[in-house]
Amino acid sequence: MKQAKLMMLLVALVAVAISGLACGAEETGQSKAKAAAPPQEAPQTATKTIVYYFHGTGRCQTCQTIQAYAEEAVRAAFGAELSIGQLLWLPLNVDEAGNEHFVKDYQLYTRSLVVVDGSNRKRFKNLEKVWQLVGDKPAFVKYVQDEVRAFRKS
């Protein structure tokens, strides 16, 4: 009787160990897939307008504030467009491998907020005044919203 209980316990422990190894292998495979995933890009066809916040790995408080204010401005004014895919908010690290081309594509010289036509990536506008307006949140938000609206209409 003791041997049967011991054998059942041993079988249960082996089953748990095997299932744990299988889960670990699955997670490792997923991690590798994530690590090998291509750089983040916006879809070409479904999105009409992309609002990128281009940043680097090292980020100062001002850069983080610009991103936060810009995201707030976009979400507040264009929530419906975001939800149906007509507009996309996309923060992107240009220091990550595969993203370097954005610096050349959009003539970036610093951390930047750029509005891009999703169907014609050569049409874009760098919202350079965000650096001047970061100390005045209401003016910053209005500027971003007005510029995105104007870009979408043009």
Foldseek 3Di string as FASTA:
>chain_A
DVVVVVVVVVVVVVVVVVVVVVVVVVVVVVVVCVVPDAFDDDDQPQEFKEKEFEAAPDDDPLSVLLLVLLVVLCCVQPVVCCVRRNYYYYYHHCHDPNNVVVCVLVVDPHGWIKMAGSNDRSDIDTLVCSSVCSVPSVVNSVSSNVVNVVSSVD
